[in-house]
């Protein structure tokens, strides 16, 4: 860790939300978009529907 990074870590308690957002955009440019887990919304809905159907079939089979 160089001196600049060490100073950034020491000053981290003084960061506000904008500083943190800038840090994330600089260090992780691929994840700077609003979609944090990488799945498009239709796949999220598909996963929830499949989970609901599996739970419903499990409950009905008891």
C-alpha atoms as a PDB file:
ATOM      1  CA  UNK A   1       0.000   0.000   0.000  1.00  0.00           C
ATOM      2  CA  UNK A   2       1.528   3.290  -1.010  1.00  0.00           C
ATOM      3  CA  UNK A   3       1.355   6.517   0.972  1.00  0.00           C
ATOM      4  CA  UNK A   4      -1.598   7.901  -0.978  1.00  0.00           C
ATOM      5  CA  UNK A   5      -3.728   4.811  -0.340  1.00  0.00           C
ATOM      6  CA  UNK A   6      -2.728   4.805   3.312  1.00  0.00           C
ATOM      7  CA  UNK A   7      -3.751   8.455   3.628  1.00  0.00           C
ATOM      8  CA  UNK A   8      -7.087   7.647   1.937  1.00  0.00           C
ATOM      9  CA  UNK A   9      -7.728   4.892   4.479  1.00  0.00           C
ATOM     10  CA  UNK A  10      -6.908   7.228   7.365  1.00  0.00           C
ATOM     11  CA  UNK A  11      -9.215   9.893   5.971  1.00  0.00           C
ATOM     12  CA  UNK A  12     -12.016   7.407   5.267  1.00  0.00           C
ATOM     13  CA  UNK A  13     -13.940   8.453   8.354  1.00  0.00           C
ATOM     14  CA  UNK A  14     -14.239  11.950   6.885  1.00  0.00           C
ATOM     15  CA  UNK A  15     -15.778  10.725   3.627  1.00  0.00           C
ATOM     16  CA  UNK A  16     -19.292  11.696   2.690  1.00  0.00           C
ATOM     17  CA  UNK A  17     -21.558   9.853   0.260  1.00  0.00           C
ATOM     18  CA  UNK A  18     -20.169  11.653  -2.797  1.00  0.00           C
ATOM     19  CA  UNK A  19     -16.591  10.727  -1.897  1.00  0.00           C
ATOM     20  CA  UNK A  20     -17.598   7.103  -1.449  1.00  0.00           C
ATOM     21  CA  UNK A  21     -19.459   7.061  -4.790  1.00  0.00           C
ATOM     22  CA  UNK A  22     -16.431   8.552  -6.549  1.00  0.00           C
ATOM     23  CA  UNK A  23     -14.187   5.923  -4.956  1.00  0.00           C
ATOM     24  CA  UNK A  24     -16.470   3.103  -6.096  1.00  0.00           C
ATOM     25  CA  UNK A  25     -16.654   4.475  -9.633  1.00  0.00           C
ATOM     26  CA  UNK A  26     -12.880   4.827  -9.777  1.00  0.00           C
ATOM     27  CA  UNK A  27     -12.008   1.440  -8.261  1.00  0.00           C
ATOM     28  CA  UNK A  28     -14.874  -0.627  -9.701  1.00  0.00           C
ATOM     29  CA  UNK A  29     -15.931   0.944 -13.006  1.00  0.00           C
ATOM     30  CA  UNK A  30     -17.842  -2.146 -14.185  1.00  0.00           C
ATOM     31  CA  UNK A  31     -20.129  -2.124 -11.151  1.00  0.00           C
ATOM     32  CA  UNK A  32     -20.844   1.596 -11.200  1.00  0.00           C
ATOM     33  CA  UNK A  33     -24.170   1.071 -12.935  1.00  0.00           C
ATOM     34  CA  UNK A  34     -27.376   0.786 -10.943  1.00  0.00           C
ATOM     35  CA  UNK A  35     -27.658  -2.943 -11.601  1.00  0.00           C
ATOM     36  CA  UNK A  36     -25.453  -4.223  -8.783  1.00  0.00           C
ATOM     37  CA  UNK A  37     -25.983  -7.963  -9.001  1.00  0.00           C
ATOM     38  CA  UNK A  38     -25.637  -8.204 -12.774  1.00  0.00           C
ATOM     39  CA  UNK A  39     -29.046  -9.712 -13.613  1.00  0.00           C
ATOM     40  CA  UNK A  40     -31.559  -7.943 -15.834  1.00  0.00           C
ATOM     41  CA  UNK A  41     -34.921  -7.328 -14.194  1.00  0.00           C
ATOM     42  CA  UNK A  42     -36.798  -9.970 -16.208  1.00  0.00           C
ATOM     43  CA  UNK A  43     -34.445 -12.670 -14.863  1.00  0.00           C
ATOM     44  CA  UNK A  44     -35.042 -11.453 -11.318  1.00  0.00           C
ATOM     45  CA  UNK A  45     -38.809 -11.736 -11.826  1.00  0.00           C
ATOM     46  CA  UNK A  46     -38.378 -15.162 -13.414  1.00  0.00           C
ATOM     47  CA  UNK A  47     -36.370 -16.347 -10.418  1.00  0.00           C
ATOM     48  CA  UNK A  48     -38.990 -15.045  -7.958  1.00  0.00           C
ATOM     49  CA  UNK A  49     -41.839 -16.699  -9.904  1.00  0.00           C
ATOM     50  CA  UNK A  50     -39.993 -20.023 -10.036  1.00  0.00           C
ATOM     51  CA  UNK A  51     -39.247 -19.816  -6.324  1.00  0.00           C
ATOM     52  CA  UNK A  52     -42.911 -19.082  -5.590  1.00  0.00           C
ATOM     53  CA  UNK A  53     -44.079 -21.991  -7.775  1.00  0.00           C
ATOM     54  CA  UNK A  54     -41.629 -24.380  -6.133  1.00  0.00           C
ATOM     55  CA  UNK A  55     -42.795 -23.292  -2.673  1.00  0.00           C
ATOM     56  CA  UNK A  56     -46.457 -23.615  -3.682  1.00  0.00           C
ATOM     57  CA  UNK A  57     -45.962 -27.136  -5.070  1.00  0.00           C
ATOM     58  CA  UNK A  58     -44.042 -28.130  -1.951  1.00  0.00           C
ATOM     59  CA  UNK A  59     -46.793 -26.823   0.336  1.00  0.00           C
ATOM     60  CA  UNK A  60     -49.539 -28.499  -1.714  1.00  0.00           C
ATOM     61  CA  UNK A  61     -47.699 -31.824  -1.674  1.00  0.00           C
ATOM     62  CA  UNK A  62     -47.691 -32.018   2.141  1.00  0.00           C
END
